[in-house]
Amino acid sequence: MSILRIESTQRTPEVIFDFANNVFHLRGESYPEDVKEFYGQPIGRLEGHLEGLTNAEIRFTFEFVYFNSSTAKILMNLFDMLEETAARGNTVLVVWAYEKDDDNMEELGEEFGEELSRATFSMLAV
C-alpha cells in the first residue's frame, strides 16, 4: 500500500509513488491509448493521499522524454493538485528533470513551472 509502482512500457511512463515518504516520480514517455485508464488509479490514490496531509514535505519529480497532449492535460491537473496541497500549508517541491540537450522538454517544464506560486519548482538538467 505504501508504494505504488508501475513499470514503464513503450507508451507509458514508470510510476513510483512512495506514499509513506511523500516521494513521487513519473519517468519516461507518455502517450497511452487511454490516458484516463492509465493515470486514473494512480492519480486517484495520490489525490486521496494528498488531501489528508498537513505540514508535510512532498517531492514530485517529472522526468519525461516525450508526452502527448492528453498527458499534458493530466500533468496540468497534477500541478493544480500539488499547488492546492502547498496552499494547505504543506511544503511541496516539484522537480522537472529533462535531458540537457532537450530544448522542448526544458521549455515545457518552464511553462508548467509558471503555473506554480505556492509550490517550489526546480528545473534539473540530467
Protein backbone atom coordinates (compact mmCIF):
# COMPACT_ATOMS: atom_id res chain seq x y z
CA MET A 1 0.00 0.00 0.00
CA SER A 2 2.77 2.46 0.79
CA ILE A 3 4.48 2.20 -2.63
CA LEU A 4 2.68 2.13 -5.96
CA ARG A 5 5.00 1.03 -8.74
CA ILE A 6 4.05 0.65 -12.40
CA GLU A 7 6.78 -0.42 -14.81
CA SER A 8 7.23 1.64 -17.96
CA THR A 9 6.20 0.39 -21.37
CA GLN A 10 6.89 1.74 -24.82
CA ARG A 11 3.89 4.09 -24.45
CA THR A 12 3.64 4.66 -20.70
CA PRO A 13 5.97 6.06 -18.05
CA GLU A 14 7.35 4.39 -14.97
CA VAL A 15 5.29 5.40 -11.95
CA ILE A 16 6.78 5.29 -8.46
CA PHE A 17 4.55 6.76 -5.78
CA ASP A 18 6.05 6.28 -2.31
CA PHE A 19 3.16 7.36 -0.12
CA ALA A 20 4.95 6.67 3.18
CA ASN A 21 7.76 9.11 2.32
CA ASN A 22 5.72 11.50 0.12
CA VAL A 23 8.10 11.00 -2.81
CA PHE A 24 6.54 10.66 -6.25
CA HIS A 25 8.14 10.10 -9.65
CA LEU A 26 6.93 9.84 -13.25
CA ARG A 27 9.63 8.92 -15.78
CA GLY A 28 9.75 8.04 -19.47
CA GLU A 29 7.39 8.50 -22.39
CA SER A 30 3.66 9.03 -22.05
CA TYR A 31 1.25 8.52 -24.90
CA PRO A 32 -1.07 5.76 -23.67
CA GLU A 33 -4.01 4.73 -25.82
CA ASP A 34 -6.36 5.61 -22.96
CA VAL A 35 -4.80 8.27 -20.76
CA LYS A 36 -7.63 8.18 -18.22
CA GLU A 37 -7.35 4.42 -17.84
CA PHE A 38 -3.58 4.58 -17.29
CA TYR A 39 -3.47 7.57 -14.94
CA GLY A 40 -6.86 7.17 -13.24
CA GLN A 41 -5.93 4.79 -10.44
CA PRO A 42 -2.51 6.31 -9.57
CA ILE A 43 -3.83 9.86 -9.56
CA GLY A 44 -6.92 8.85 -7.62
CA ARG A 45 -4.72 7.34 -4.91
CA LEU A 46 -2.42 10.35 -4.97
CA GLU A 47 -5.31 12.78 -4.62
CA GLY A 48 -6.73 10.88 -1.66
CA HIS A 49 -3.31 10.80 -0.01
CA LEU A 50 -2.53 14.48 -0.54
CA GLU A 51 -5.92 15.61 0.76
CA GLY A 52 -5.11 14.18 4.18
CA LEU A 53 -1.69 15.80 4.58
CA THR A 54 -0.86 18.75 6.81
CA ASN A 55 2.59 20.20 7.45
CA ALA A 56 4.14 17.50 5.28
CA GLU A 57 7.06 17.62 2.85
CA ILE A 58 6.23 16.34 -0.62
CA ARG A 59 8.61 15.84 -3.54
CA PHE A 60 7.27 15.16 -7.03
CA THR A 61 9.70 14.56 -9.90
CA PHE A 62 8.62 14.64 -13.53
CA GLU A 63 11.19 13.15 -15.89
CA PHE A 64 9.65 12.81 -19.32
CA VAL A 65 11.30 12.15 -22.65
CA TYR A 66 8.04 12.73 -24.52
CA PHE A 67 4.34 13.15 -23.75
CA ASN A 68 1.28 13.84 -25.87
CA SER A 69 -1.41 16.49 -25.45
CA SER A 70 -3.69 14.15 -23.48
CA THR A 71 -0.89 13.59 -20.98
CA ALA A 72 -0.27 17.36 -20.85
CA LYS A 73 -3.83 17.81 -19.56
CA ILE A 74 -3.20 15.20 -16.87
CA LEU A 75 0.02 16.99 -15.92
CA MET A 76 -1.79 20.33 -15.64
CA ASN A 77 -4.26 18.70 -13.26
CA LEU A 78 -1.38 17.23 -11.25
CA PHE A 79 0.29 20.63 -10.99
CA ASP A 80 -3.03 22.11 -9.79
CA MET A 81 -3.31 19.34 -7.19
CA LEU A 82 0.25 19.98 -5.97
CA GLU A 83 -0.39 23.73 -5.82
CA GLU A 84 -3.53 23.14 -3.73
CA THR A 85 -1.54 20.84 -1.44
CA ALA A 86 1.04 23.59 -0.90
CA ALA A 87 -1.73 26.13 -0.25
CA ARG A 88 -2.88 23.98 2.69
CA GLY A 89 0.45 24.51 4.46
CA ASN A 90 2.46 21.62 3.07
CA THR A 91 5.96 22.03 1.64
CA VAL A 92 5.82 20.88 -1.98
CA LEU A 93 8.88 20.58 -4.20
CA VAL A 94 8.23 19.92 -7.88
CA VAL A 95 11.29 18.87 -9.90
CA TRP A 96 11.19 18.93 -13.70
CA ALA A 97 14.07 16.75 -14.90
CA TYR A 98 14.97 16.80 -18.59
CA GLU A 99 17.86 15.76 -20.80
CA LYS A 100 20.22 18.71 -21.03
CA ASP A 101 20.04 18.80 -24.84
CA ASP A 102 16.24 18.57 -24.97
CA ASP A 103 15.13 22.17 -25.52
CA ASN A 104 11.50 21.13 -25.97
CA MET A 105 11.22 19.41 -22.57
CA GLU A 106 13.07 22.30 -20.98
CA GLU A 107 10.58 24.82 -22.41
CA LEU A 108 7.60 22.68 -21.41
CA GLY A 109 8.96 22.48 -17.87
CA GLU A 110 9.36 26.24 -17.73
CA GLU A 111 5.76 26.68 -18.88
CA PHE A 112 4.43 24.25 -16.28
CA GLY A 113 6.55 25.88 -13.58
CA GLU A 114 5.00 29.28 -14.31
CA GLU A 115 1.67 27.89 -13.07
CA LEU A 116 3.02 27.36 -9.55
CA SER A 117 3.10 30.11 -6.96
CA ARG A 118 2.99 28.21 -3.65
CA ALA A 119 4.85 25.02 -4.53
CA THR A 120 8.59 25.28 -5.12
CA PHE A 121 9.62 24.48 -8.69
CA SER A 122 13.07 23.35 -9.79
CA MET A 123 14.49 22.54 -13.22
CA LEU A 124 17.08 19.76 -13.36
CA ALA A 125 19.14 19.07 -16.49
CA VAL A 126 20.34 15.46 -16.45
